[in-house]
């Protein structure tokens, strides 16, 4: 569950051009009390998504040029569901709702 996961979200860039925005997103989520890490390795994005999904990280936040320009992140769940692009505040709201389910398996 998201409230128990050592890493609640992983921020992944598509190319090196988004590295600065990845750092901004990571810092904002950390400031909000989320356990977050970033993956800036020079690997294919599909490889990074698959690798982190296998580590069972609850949320993968993918950042490309479109997301950077719009100030958003593309969100994927551990189960592979693509939630689309959303603002950081919308993502935080969703994550907080998941945390509130603690103890209540729904």
PDB file of N, CA and C in Angstrom:
ATOM      1  N   UNK A   1       0.818  -1.201   0.000  1.00  0.00           N
ATOM      2  CA  UNK A   1       0.000   0.000   0.000  1.00  0.00           C
ATOM      3  C   UNK A   1       0.861   1.264   0.000  1.00  0.00           C
ATOM      4  N   UNK A   2       0.307   2.327  -0.528  1.00  0.00           N
ATOM      5  CA  UNK A   2       1.072   3.560  -0.720  1.00  0.00           C
ATOM      6  C   UNK A   2       1.551   4.143   0.607  1.00  0.00           C
ATOM      7  N   UNK A   3       0.773   4.022   1.665  1.00  0.00           N
ATOM      8  CA  UNK A   3       1.174   4.607   2.945  1.00  0.00           C
ATOM      9  C   UNK A   3       2.325   3.867   3.590  1.00  0.00           C
ATOM     10  N   UNK A   4       2.567   2.628   3.175  1.00  0.00           N
ATOM     11  CA  UNK A   4       3.611   1.800   3.759  1.00  0.00           C
ATOM     12  C   UNK A   4       4.865   1.727   2.885  1.00  0.00           C
ATOM     13  N   UNK A   5       4.749   2.054   1.616  1.00  0.00           N
ATOM     14  CA  UNK A   5       5.859   1.919   0.667  1.00  0.00           C
ATOM     15  C   UNK A   5       7.035   2.819   1.055  1.00  0.00           C
ATOM     16  N   UNK A   6       8.264   2.277   1.020  1.00  0.00           N
ATOM     17  CA  UNK A   6       9.438   3.100   1.332  1.00  0.00           C
ATOM     18  C   UNK A   6       9.610   4.251   0.337  1.00  0.00           C
ATOM     19  N   UNK A   7       9.285   4.000  -0.924  1.00  0.00           N
ATOM     20  CA  UNK A   7       9.286   5.047  -1.951  1.00  0.00           C
ATOM     21  C   UNK A   7       7.868   5.104  -2.495  1.00  0.00           C
ATOM     22  N   UNK A   8       7.185   6.233  -2.288  1.00  0.00           N
ATOM     23  CA  UNK A   8       5.796   6.349  -2.709  1.00  0.00           C
ATOM     24  C   UNK A   8       5.667   6.748  -4.172  1.00  0.00           C
ATOM     25  N   UNK A   9       6.658   7.476  -4.691  1.00  0.00           N
ATOM     26  CA  UNK A   9       6.600   7.927  -6.084  1.00  0.00           C
ATOM     27  C   UNK A   9       8.008   8.007  -6.658  1.00  0.00           C
ATOM     28  N   UNK A  10       8.115   7.701  -7.936  1.00  0.00           N
ATOM     29  CA  UNK A  10       9.377   7.812  -8.670  1.00  0.00           C
ATOM     30  C   UNK A  10       9.139   8.771  -9.826  1.00  0.00           C
ATOM     31  N   UNK A  11       9.985   9.793  -9.937  1.00  0.00           N
ATOM     32  CA  UNK A  11       9.872  10.763 -11.021  1.00  0.00           C
ATOM     33  C   UNK A  11      10.882  10.371 -12.095  1.00  0.00           C
ATOM     34  N   UNK A  12      10.385  10.188 -13.325  1.00  0.00           N
ATOM     35  CA  UNK A  12      11.204   9.694 -14.434  1.00  0.00           C
ATOM     36  C   UNK A  12      11.201  10.713 -15.561  1.00  0.00           C
ATOM     37  N   UNK A  13      12.387  11.018 -16.070  1.00  0.00           N
ATOM     38  CA  UNK A  13      12.470  11.918 -17.229  1.00  0.00           C
ATOM     39  C   UNK A  13      12.521  11.102 -18.514  1.00  0.00           C
ATOM     40  N   UNK A  14      12.102  11.735 -19.622  1.00  0.00           N
ATOM     41  CA  UNK A  14      12.170  11.076 -20.922  1.00  0.00           C
ATOM     42  C   UNK A  14      13.522  11.356 -21.575  1.00  0.00           C
ATOM     43  N   UNK A  15      13.954  12.610 -21.529  1.00  0.00           N
ATOM     44  CA  UNK A  15      15.278  12.980 -22.045  1.00  0.00           C
ATOM     45  C   UNK A  15      15.977  13.864 -21.014  1.00  0.00           C
ATOM     46  N   UNK A  16      17.249  14.131 -21.239  1.00  0.00           N
ATOM     47  CA  UNK A  16      18.020  14.970 -20.317  1.00  0.00           C
ATOM     48  C   UNK A  16      17.475  16.389 -20.226  1.00  0.00           C
ATOM     49  N   UNK A  17      16.709  16.826 -21.218  1.00  0.00           N
ATOM     50  CA  UNK A  17      16.176  18.189 -21.233  1.00  0.00           C
ATOM     51  C   UNK A  17      15.218  18.439 -20.070  1.00  0.00           C
ATOM     52  N   UNK A  18      14.630  17.392 -19.512  1.00  0.00           N
ATOM     53  CA  UNK A  18      13.670  17.568 -18.424  1.00  0.00           C
ATOM     54  C   UNK A  18      14.292  17.411 -17.038  1.00  0.00           C
ATOM     55  N   UNK A  19      15.597  17.245 -16.951  1.00  0.00           N
ATOM     56  CA  UNK A  19      16.254  16.979 -15.664  1.00  0.00           C
ATOM     57  C   UNK A  19      15.960  18.067 -14.632  1.00  0.00           C
ATOM     58  N   UNK A  20      15.980  19.315 -15.043  1.00  0.00           N
ATOM     59  CA  UNK A  20      15.701  20.413 -14.114  1.00  0.00           C
ATOM     60  C   UNK A  20      14.289  20.351 -13.565  1.00  0.00           C
ATOM     61  N   UNK A  21      13.327  20.045 -14.434  1.00  0.00           N
ATOM     62  CA  UNK A  21      11.931  19.959 -14.004  1.00  0.00           C
ATOM     63  C   UNK A  21      11.730  18.754 -13.083  1.00  0.00           C
ATOM     64  N   UNK A  22      12.430  17.659 -13.371  1.00  0.00           N
ATOM     65  CA  UNK A  22      12.356  16.483 -12.497  1.00  0.00           C
ATOM     66  C   UNK A  22      12.823  16.862 -11.092  1.00  0.00           C
ATOM     67  N   UNK A  23      13.912  17.625 -11.006  1.00  0.00           N
ATOM     68  CA  UNK A  23      14.413  18.067  -9.699  1.00  0.00           C
ATOM     69  C   UNK A  23      13.394  18.954  -8.986  1.00  0.00           C
ATOM     70  N   UNK A  24      12.723  19.837  -9.744  1.00  0.00           N
ATOM     71  CA  UNK A  24      11.690  20.710  -9.160  1.00  0.00           C
ATOM     72  C   UNK A  24      10.535  19.880  -8.593  1.00  0.00           C
ATOM     73  N   UNK A  25      10.070  18.919  -9.384  1.00  0.00           N
ATOM     74  CA  UNK A  25       8.953  18.064  -8.964  1.00  0.00           C
ATOM     75  C   UNK A  25       9.346  17.263  -7.725  1.00  0.00           C
ATOM     76  N   UNK A  26      10.548  16.694  -7.749  1.00  0.00           N
ATOM     77  CA  UNK A  26      11.029  15.905  -6.613  1.00  0.00           C
ATOM     78  C   UNK A  26      11.101  16.759  -5.352  1.00  0.00           C
ATOM     79  N   UNK A  27      11.629  17.972  -5.480  1.00  0.00           N
ATOM     80  CA  UNK A  27      11.740  18.873  -4.324  1.00  0.00           C
ATOM     81  C   UNK A  27      10.360  19.256  -3.791  1.00  0.00           C
ATOM     82  N   UNK A  28       9.414  19.526  -4.688  1.00  0.00           N
ATOM     83  CA  UNK A  28       8.063  19.912  -4.268  1.00  0.00           C
ATOM     84  C   UNK A  28       7.368  18.769  -3.534  1.00  0.00           C
ATOM     85  N   UNK A  29       7.510  17.556  -4.045  1.00  0.00           N
ATOM     86  CA  UNK A  29       6.872  16.407  -3.400  1.00  0.00           C
ATOM     87  C   UNK A  29       7.527  16.096  -2.056  1.00  0.00           C
ATOM     88  N   UNK A  30       8.850  16.224  -1.991  1.00  0.00           N
ATOM     89  CA  UNK A  30       9.561  16.005  -0.733  1.00  0.00           C
ATOM     90  C   UNK A  30       9.107  17.021   0.310  1.00  0.00           C
ATOM     91  N   UNK A  31       8.961  18.279  -0.114  1.00  0.00           N
ATOM     92  CA  UNK A  31       8.497  19.334   0.795  1.00  0.00           C
ATOM     93  C   UNK A  31       7.080  19.049   1.302  1.00  0.00           C
ATOM     94  N   UNK A  32       6.289  18.333   0.493  1.00  0.00           N
ATOM     95  CA  UNK A  32       4.920  17.988   0.884  1.00  0.00           C
ATOM     96  C   UNK A  32       4.871  16.730   1.756  1.00  0.00           C
ATOM     97  N   UNK A  33       6.043  16.161   2.052  1.00  0.00           N
ATOM     98  CA  UNK A  33       6.094  14.995   2.928  1.00  0.00           C
ATOM     99  C   UNK A  33       5.961  13.662   2.223  1.00  0.00           C
ATOM    100  N   UNK A  34       6.139  13.649   0.911  1.00  0.00           N
ATOM    101  CA  UNK A  34       6.046  12.411   0.132  1.00  0.00           C
ATOM    102  C   UNK A  34       7.436  11.793   0.025  1.00  0.00           C
ATOM    103  N   UNK A  35       7.510  10.475   0.160  1.00  0.00           N
ATOM    104  CA  UNK A  35       8.785   9.777  -0.018  1.00  0.00           C
ATOM    105  C   UNK A  35       8.962   9.548  -1.519  1.00  0.00           C
ATOM    106  N   UNK A  36       9.827  10.338  -2.125  1.00  0.00           N
ATOM    107  CA  UNK A  36       9.971  10.352  -3.581  1.00  0.00           C
ATOM    108  C   UNK A  36      11.440  10.275  -3.966  1.00  0.00           C
ATOM    109  N   UNK A  37      11.700   9.635  -5.097  1.00  0.00           N
ATOM    110  CA  UNK A  37      13.039   9.587  -5.682  1.00  0.00           C
ATOM    111  C   UNK A  37      12.909   9.929  -7.157  1.00  0.00           C
ATOM    112  N   UNK A  38      14.048  10.219  -7.787  1.00  0.00           N
ATOM    113  CA  UNK A  38      14.032  10.509  -9.221  1.00  0.00           C
ATOM    114  C   UNK A  38      15.004   9.588  -9.942  1.00  0.00           C
ATOM    115  N   UNK A  39      14.708   9.312 -11.193  1.00  0.00           N
ATOM    116  CA  UNK A  39      15.549   8.461 -12.035  1.00  0.00           C
ATOM    117  C   UNK A  39      15.935   9.265 -13.267  1.00  0.00           C
ATOM    118  N   UNK A  40      17.164   9.763 -13.270  1.00  0.00           N
ATOM    119  CA  UNK A  40      17.653  10.585 -14.377  1.00  0.00           C
ATOM    120  C   UNK A  40      18.631   9.822 -15.264  1.00  0.00           C
ATOM    121  N   UNK A  41      18.670   8.501 -15.130  1.00  0.00           N
ATOM    122  CA  UNK A  41      19.612   7.712 -15.929  1.00  0.00           C
ATOM    123  C   UNK A  41      19.318   7.845 -17.421  1.00  0.00           C
ATOM    124  N   UNK A  42      20.341   7.647 -18.205  1.00  0.00           N
ATOM    125  CA  UNK A  42      20.222   7.732 -19.657  1.00  0.00           C
ATOM    126  C   UNK A  42      19.793   6.363 -20.205  1.00  0.00           C
ATOM    127  N   UNK A  43      18.568   5.975 -19.877  1.00  0.00           N
ATOM    128  CA  UNK A  43      17.985   4.713 -20.344  1.00  0.00           C
ATOM    129  C   UNK A  43      16.682   5.030 -21.062  1.00  0.00           C
ATOM    130  N   UNK A  44      16.185   4.061 -21.814  1.00  0.00           N
ATOM    131  CA  UNK A  44      14.884   4.248 -22.467  1.00  0.00           C
ATOM    132  C   UNK A  44      13.806   4.341 -21.400  1.00  0.00           C
ATOM    133  N   UNK A  45      12.813   5.196 -21.653  1.00  0.00           N
ATOM    134  CA  UNK A  45      11.763   5.423 -20.656  1.00  0.00           C
ATOM    135  C   UNK A  45      10.980   4.140 -20.376  1.00  0.00           C
ATOM    136  N   UNK A  46      10.750   3.315 -21.374  1.00  0.00           N
ATOM    137  CA  UNK A  46      10.048   2.050 -21.173  1.00  0.00           C
ATOM    138  C   UNK A  46      10.800   1.127 -20.230  1.00  0.00           C
ATOM    139  N   UNK A  47      12.122   1.122 -20.352  1.00  0.00           N
ATOM    140  CA  UNK A  47      12.960   0.311 -19.470  1.00  0.00           C
ATOM    141  C   UNK A  47      12.836   0.791 -18.030  1.00  0.00           C
ATOM    142  N   UNK A  48      12.882   2.116 -17.841  1.00  0.00           N
ATOM    143  CA  UNK A  48      12.789   2.673 -16.488  1.00  0.00           C
ATOM    144  C   UNK A  48      11.415   2.388 -15.872  1.00  0.00           C
ATOM    145  N   UNK A  49      10.361   2.546 -16.665  1.00  0.00           N
ATOM    146  CA  UNK A  49       9.008   2.280 -16.165  1.00  0.00           C
ATOM    147  C   UNK A  49       8.878   0.820 -15.742  1.00  0.00           C
ATOM    148  N   UNK A  50       9.333  -0.079 -16.591  1.00  0.00           N
ATOM    149  CA  UNK A  50       9.243  -1.512 -16.291  1.00  0.00           C
ATOM    150  C   UNK A  50      10.047  -1.848 -15.023  1.00  0.00           C
ATOM    151  N   UNK A  51      11.259  -1.298 -14.929  1.00  0.00           N
ATOM    152  CA  UNK A  51      12.118  -1.578 -13.778  1.00  0.00           C
ATOM    153  C   UNK A  51      11.468  -1.119 -12.465  1.00  0.00           C
ATOM    154  N   UNK A  52      10.928   0.086 -12.465  1.00  0.00           N
ATOM    155  CA  UNK A  52      10.330   0.608 -11.235  1.00  0.00           C
ATOM    156  C   UNK A  52       8.987  -0.051 -10.937  1.00  0.00           C
ATOM    157  N   UNK A  53       8.270  -0.480 -11.961  1.00  0.00           N
ATOM    158  CA  UNK A  53       7.021  -1.211 -11.741  1.00  0.00           C
ATOM    159  C   UNK A  53       7.323  -2.551 -11.064  1.00  0.00           C
ATOM    160  N   UNK A  54       8.422  -3.179 -11.452  1.00  0.00           N
ATOM    161  CA  UNK A  54       8.814  -4.448 -10.838  1.00  0.00           C
ATOM    162  C   UNK A  54       9.245  -4.249  -9.383  1.00  0.00           C
ATOM    163  N   UNK A  55       9.697  -3.042  -9.053  1.00  0.00           N
ATOM    164  CA  UNK A  55      10.054  -2.727  -7.661  1.00  0.00           C
ATOM    165  C   UNK A  55       8.810  -2.393  -6.837  1.00  0.00           C
ATOM    166  N   UNK A  56       7.655  -2.404  -7.486  1.00  0.00           N
ATOM    167  CA  UNK A  56       6.350  -2.159  -6.852  1.00  0.00           C
ATOM    168  C   UNK A  56       6.230  -0.765  -6.240  1.00  0.00           C
ATOM    169  N   UNK A  57       6.796   0.226  -6.913  1.00  0.00           N
ATOM    170  CA  UNK A  57       6.636   1.609  -6.483  1.00  0.00           C
ATOM    171  C   UNK A  57       5.210   2.028  -6.850  1.00  0.00           C
ATOM    172  N   UNK A  58       4.441   2.554  -5.888  1.00  0.00           N
ATOM    173  CA  UNK A  58       3.016   2.833  -6.129  1.00  0.00           C
ATOM    174  C   UNK A  58       2.728   3.782  -7.286  1.00  0.00           C
ATOM    175  N   UNK A  59       3.502   4.866  -7.423  1.00  0.00           N
ATOM    176  CA  UNK A  59       3.243   5.833  -8.486  1.00  0.00           C
ATOM    177  C   UNK A  59       4.518   6.152  -9.255  1.00  0.00           C
ATOM    178  N   UNK A  60       4.407   6.137 -10.578  1.00  0.00           N
ATOM    179  CA  UNK A  60       5.492   6.563 -11.459  1.00  0.00           C
ATOM    180  C   UNK A  60       5.049   7.851 -12.132  1.00  0.00           C
ATOM    181  N   UNK A  61       5.854   8.891 -11.990  1.00  0.00           N
ATOM    182  CA  UNK A  61       5.549  10.188 -12.587  1.00  0.00           C
ATOM    183  C   UNK A  61       6.511  10.406 -13.740  1.00  0.00           C
ATOM    184  N   UNK A  62       5.991  10.396 -14.959  1.00  0.00           N
ATOM    185  CA  UNK A  62       6.820  10.541 -16.152  1.00  0.00           C
ATOM    186  C   UNK A  62       6.745  11.986 -16.625  1.00  0.00           C
ATOM    187  N   UNK A  63       7.916  12.569 -16.894  1.00  0.00           N
ATOM    188  CA  UNK A  63       7.997  13.971 -17.282  1.00  0.00           C
ATOM    189  C   UNK A  63       8.662  14.085 -18.649  1.00  0.00           C
ATOM    190  N   UNK A  64       7.931  14.680 -19.592  1.00  0.00           N
ATOM    191  CA  UNK A  64       8.459  14.979 -20.917  1.00  0.00           C
ATOM    192  C   UNK A  64       8.342  16.469 -21.173  1.00  0.00           C
ATOM    193  N   UNK A  65       8.608  16.880 -22.401  1.00  0.00           N
ATOM    194  CA  UNK A  65       8.532  18.305 -22.739  1.00  0.00           C
ATOM    195  C   UNK A  65       7.120  18.859 -22.552  1.00  0.00           C
ATOM    196  N   UNK A  66       6.095  18.089 -22.971  1.00  0.00           N
ATOM    197  CA  UNK A  66       4.707  18.554 -22.823  1.00  0.00           C
ATOM    198  C   UNK A  66       4.346  18.792 -21.360  1.00  0.00           C
ATOM    199  N   UNK A  67       4.727  17.856 -20.520  1.00  0.00           N
ATOM    200  CA  UNK A  67       4.411  17.987 -19.097  1.00  0.00           C
ATOM    201  C   UNK A  67       5.165  19.172 -18.480  1.00  0.00           C
ATOM    202  N   UNK A  68       6.416  19.325 -18.867  1.00  0.00           N
ATOM    203  CA  UNK A  68       7.212  20.438 -18.330  1.00  0.00           C
ATOM    204  C   UNK A  68       6.594  21.775 -18.715  1.00  0.00           C
ATOM    205  N   UNK A  69       6.197  21.915 -19.977  1.00  0.00           N
ATOM    206  CA  UNK A  69       5.610  23.173 -20.447  1.00  0.00           C
ATOM    207  C   UNK A  69       4.271  23.462 -19.768  1.00  0.00           C
ATOM    208  N   UNK A  70       3.508  22.413 -19.476  1.00  0.00           N
ATOM    209  CA  UNK A  70       2.192  22.588 -18.855  1.00  0.00           C
ATOM    210  C   UNK A  70       2.267  22.610 -17.329  1.00  0.00           C
ATOM    211  N   UNK A  71       3.447  22.318 -16.770  1.00  0.00           N
ATOM    212  CA  UNK A  71       3.578  22.268 -15.318  1.00  0.00           C
ATOM    213  C   UNK A  71       2.856  21.079 -14.717  1.00  0.00           C
ATOM    214  N   UNK A  72       2.868  19.953 -15.433  1.00  0.00           N
ATOM    215  CA  UNK A  72       2.156  18.754 -15.004  1.00  0.00           C
ATOM    216  C   UNK A  72       3.098  17.559 -14.945  1.00  0.00           C
ATOM    217  N   UNK A  73       2.556  16.424 -14.556  1.00  0.00           N
ATOM    218  CA  UNK A  73       3.264  15.147 -14.596  1.00  0.00           C
ATOM    219  C   UNK A  73       2.300  14.094 -15.143  1.00  0.00           C
ATOM    220  N   UNK A  74       2.831  13.125 -15.891  1.00  0.00           N
ATOM    221  CA  UNK A  74       2.023  12.000 -16.370  1.00  0.00           C
ATOM    222  C   UNK A  74       2.124  10.902 -15.313  1.00  0.00           C
ATOM    223  N   UNK A  75       0.993  10.436 -14.822  1.00  0.00           N
ATOM    224  CA  UNK A  75       0.968   9.523 -13.676  1.00  0.00           C
ATOM    225  C   UNK A  75       0.577   8.119 -14.115  1.00  0.00           C
ATOM    226  N   UNK A  76       1.346   7.140 -13.622  1.00  0.00           N
ATOM    227  CA  UNK A  76       1.046   5.720 -13.832  1.00  0.00           C
ATOM    228  C   UNK A  76       1.032   5.046 -12.468  1.00  0.00           C
ATOM    229  N   UNK A  77       0.136   4.104 -12.298  1.00  0.00           N
ATOM    230  CA  UNK A  77       0.069   3.384 -11.025  1.00  0.00           C
ATOM    231  C   UNK A  77       0.904   2.117 -11.095  1.00  0.00           C
ATOM    232  N   UNK A  78       1.122   1.522  -9.937  1.00  0.00           N
ATOM    233  CA  UNK A  78       1.885   0.280  -9.861  1.00  0.00           C
ATOM    234  C   UNK A  78       1.222  -0.804 -10.700  1.00  0.00           C
ATOM    235  N   UNK A  79      -0.098  -0.792 -10.778  1.00  0.00           N
ATOM    236  CA  UNK A  79      -0.828  -1.791 -11.543  1.00  0.00           C
ATOM    237  C   UNK A  79      -0.784  -1.571 -13.045  1.00  0.00           C
ATOM    238  N   UNK A  80      -0.114  -0.510 -13.498  1.00  0.00           N
ATOM    239  CA  UNK A  80       0.018  -0.237 -14.919  1.00  0.00           C
ATOM    240  C   UNK A  80      -1.045   0.686 -15.476  1.00  0.00           C
ATOM    241  N   UNK A  81      -1.941   1.174 -14.629  1.00  0.00           N
ATOM    242  CA  UNK A  81      -2.993   2.079 -15.085  1.00  0.00           C
ATOM    243  C   UNK A  81      -2.407   3.456 -15.378  1.00  0.00           C
ATOM    244  N   UNK A  82      -2.713   3.986 -16.554  1.00  0.00           N
ATOM    245  CA  UNK A  82      -2.244   5.317 -16.945  1.00  0.00           C
ATOM    246  C   UNK A  82      -3.314   6.329 -16.554  1.00  0.00           C
ATOM    247  N   UNK A  83      -2.988   7.196 -15.605  1.00  0.00           N
ATOM    248  CA  UNK A  83      -3.951   8.189 -15.129  1.00  0.00           C
ATOM    249  C   UNK A  83      -3.879   9.485 -15.918  1.00  0.00           C
ATOM    250  N   UNK A  84      -2.956   9.572 -16.869  1.00  0.00           N
ATOM    251  CA  UNK A  84      -2.826  10.764 -17.698  1.00  0.00           C
ATOM    252  C   UNK A  84      -2.055  11.866 -16.996  1.00  0.00           C
ATOM    253  N   UNK A  85      -2.060  13.035 -17.626  1.00  0.00           N
ATOM    254  CA  UNK A  85      -1.328  14.181 -17.084  1.00  0.00           C
ATOM    255  C   UNK A  85      -2.185  14.905 -16.061  1.00  0.00           C
ATOM    256  N   UNK A  86      -1.551  15.314 -14.974  1.00  0.00           N
ATOM    257  CA  UNK A  86      -2.246  16.090 -13.944  1.00  0.00           C
ATOM    258  C   UNK A  86      -1.256  17.012 -13.259  1.00  0.00           C
ATOM    259  N   UNK A  87      -1.786  18.027 -12.615  1.00  0.00           N
ATOM    260  CA  UNK A  87      -0.932  18.954 -11.881  1.00  0.00           C
ATOM    261  C   UNK A  87      -0.408  18.259 -10.627  1.00  0.00           C
ATOM    262  N   UNK A  88       0.637  18.823 -10.047  1.00  0.00           N
ATOM    263  CA  UNK A  88       1.180  18.249  -8.819  1.00  0.00           C
ATOM    264  C   UNK A  88       0.156  18.286  -7.687  1.00  0.00           C
ATOM    265  N   UNK A  89      -0.622  19.361  -7.612  1.00  0.00           N
ATOM    266  CA  UNK A  89      -1.624  19.448  -6.544  1.00  0.00           C
ATOM    267  C   UNK A  89      -2.689  18.361  -6.708  1.00  0.00           C
ATOM    268  N   UNK A  90      -3.086  18.067  -7.939  1.00  0.00           N
ATOM    269  CA  UNK A  90      -4.062  16.999  -8.181  1.00  0.00           C
ATOM    270  C   UNK A  90      -3.467  15.639  -7.811  1.00  0.00           C
ATOM    271  N   UNK A  91      -2.189  15.437  -8.136  1.00  0.00           N
ATOM    272  CA  UNK A  91      -1.528  14.183  -7.774  1.00  0.00           C
ATOM    273  C   UNK A  91      -1.436  14.039  -6.255  1.00  0.00           C
ATOM    274  N   UNK A  92      -1.055  15.121  -5.577  1.00  0.00           N
ATOM    275  CA  UNK A  92      -0.957  15.079  -4.114  1.00  0.00           C
ATOM    276  C   UNK A  92      -2.304  14.751  -3.477  1.00  0.00           C
ATOM    277  N   UNK A  93      -3.374  15.316  -4.031  1.00  0.00           N
ATOM    278  CA  UNK A  93      -4.718  15.038  -3.521  1.00  0.00           C
ATOM    279  C   UNK A  93      -5.053  13.557  -3.679  1.00  0.00           C
ATOM    280  N   UNK A  94      -4.725  12.986  -4.837  1.00  0.00           N
ATOM    281  CA  UNK A  94      -4.985  11.563  -5.074  1.00  0.00           C
ATOM    282  C   UNK A  94      -4.169  10.699  -4.115  1.00  0.00           C
ATOM    283  N   UNK A  95      -2.893  11.049  -3.936  1.00  0.00           N
ATOM    284  CA  UNK A  95      -2.033  10.273  -3.054  1.00  0.00           C
ATOM    285  C   UNK A  95      -2.530  10.351  -1.609  1.00  0.00           C
ATOM    286  N   UNK A  96      -2.972  11.517  -1.179  1.00  0.00           N
ATOM    287  CA  UNK A  96      -3.502  11.679   0.184  1.00  0.00           C
ATOM    288  C   UNK A  96      -4.759  10.827   0.377  1.00  0.00           C
ATOM    289  N   UNK A  97      -5.609  10.752  -0.641  1.00  0.00           N
ATOM    290  CA  UNK A  97      -6.811   9.909  -0.551  1.00  0.00           C
ATOM    291  C   UNK A  97      -6.423   8.441  -0.407  1.00  0.00           C
ATOM    292  N   UNK A  98      -5.386   8.026  -1.153  1.00  0.00           N
ATOM    293  CA  UNK A  98      -4.910   6.646  -1.034  1.00  0.00           C
ATOM    294  C   UNK A  98      -4.363   6.383   0.367  1.00  0.00           C
ATOM    295  N   UNK A  99      -3.652   7.360   0.924  1.00  0.00           N
ATOM    296  CA  UNK A  99      -3.107   7.201   2.274  1.00  0.00           C
ATOM    297  C   UNK A  99      -4.222   7.098   3.313  1.00  0.00           C
ATOM    298  N   UNK A 100      -5.329   7.801   3.091  1.00  0.00           N
ATOM    299  CA  UNK A 100      -6.451   7.773   4.033  1.00  0.00           C
ATOM    300  C   UNK A 100      -7.117   6.400   4.091  1.00  0.00           C
ATOM    301  N   UNK A 101      -6.921   5.597   3.061  1.00  0.00           N
ATOM    302  CA  UNK A 101      -7.505   4.258   3.029  1.00  0.00           C
ATOM    303  C   UNK A 101      -6.754   3.292   3.948  1.00  0.00           C
ATOM    304  N   UNK A 102      -5.718   3.786   4.626  1.00  0.00           N
ATOM    305  CA  UNK A 102      -4.887   2.952   5.488  1.00  0.00           C
ATOM    306  C   UNK A 102      -5.759   2.108   6.415  1.00  0.00           C
ATOM    307  N   UNK A 103      -5.523   0.824   6.374  1.00  0.00           N
ATOM    308  CA  UNK A 103      -6.270  -0.063   7.246  1.00  0.00           C
ATOM    309  C   UNK A 103      -7.612  -0.493   6.693  1.00  0.00           C
ATOM    310  N   UNK A 104      -8.091   0.194   5.674  1.00  0.00           N
ATOM    311  CA  UNK A 104      -9.376  -0.158   5.069  1.00  0.00           C
ATOM    312  C   UNK A 104      -9.121  -0.688   3.672  1.00  0.00           C
ATOM    313  N   UNK A 105      -9.045  -1.963   3.532  1.00  0.00           N
ATOM    314  CA  UNK A 105      -8.801  -2.547   2.219  1.00  0.00           C
ATOM    315  C   UNK A 105     -10.066  -2.442   1.389  1.00  0.00           C
ATOM    316  N   UNK A 106     -10.027  -1.577   0.388  1.00  0.00           N
ATOM    317  CA  UNK A 106     -11.205  -1.316  -0.443  1.00  0.00           C
ATOM    318  C   UNK A 106     -11.002  -1.921  -1.801  1.00  0.00           C
TER     319      UNK A 106
END
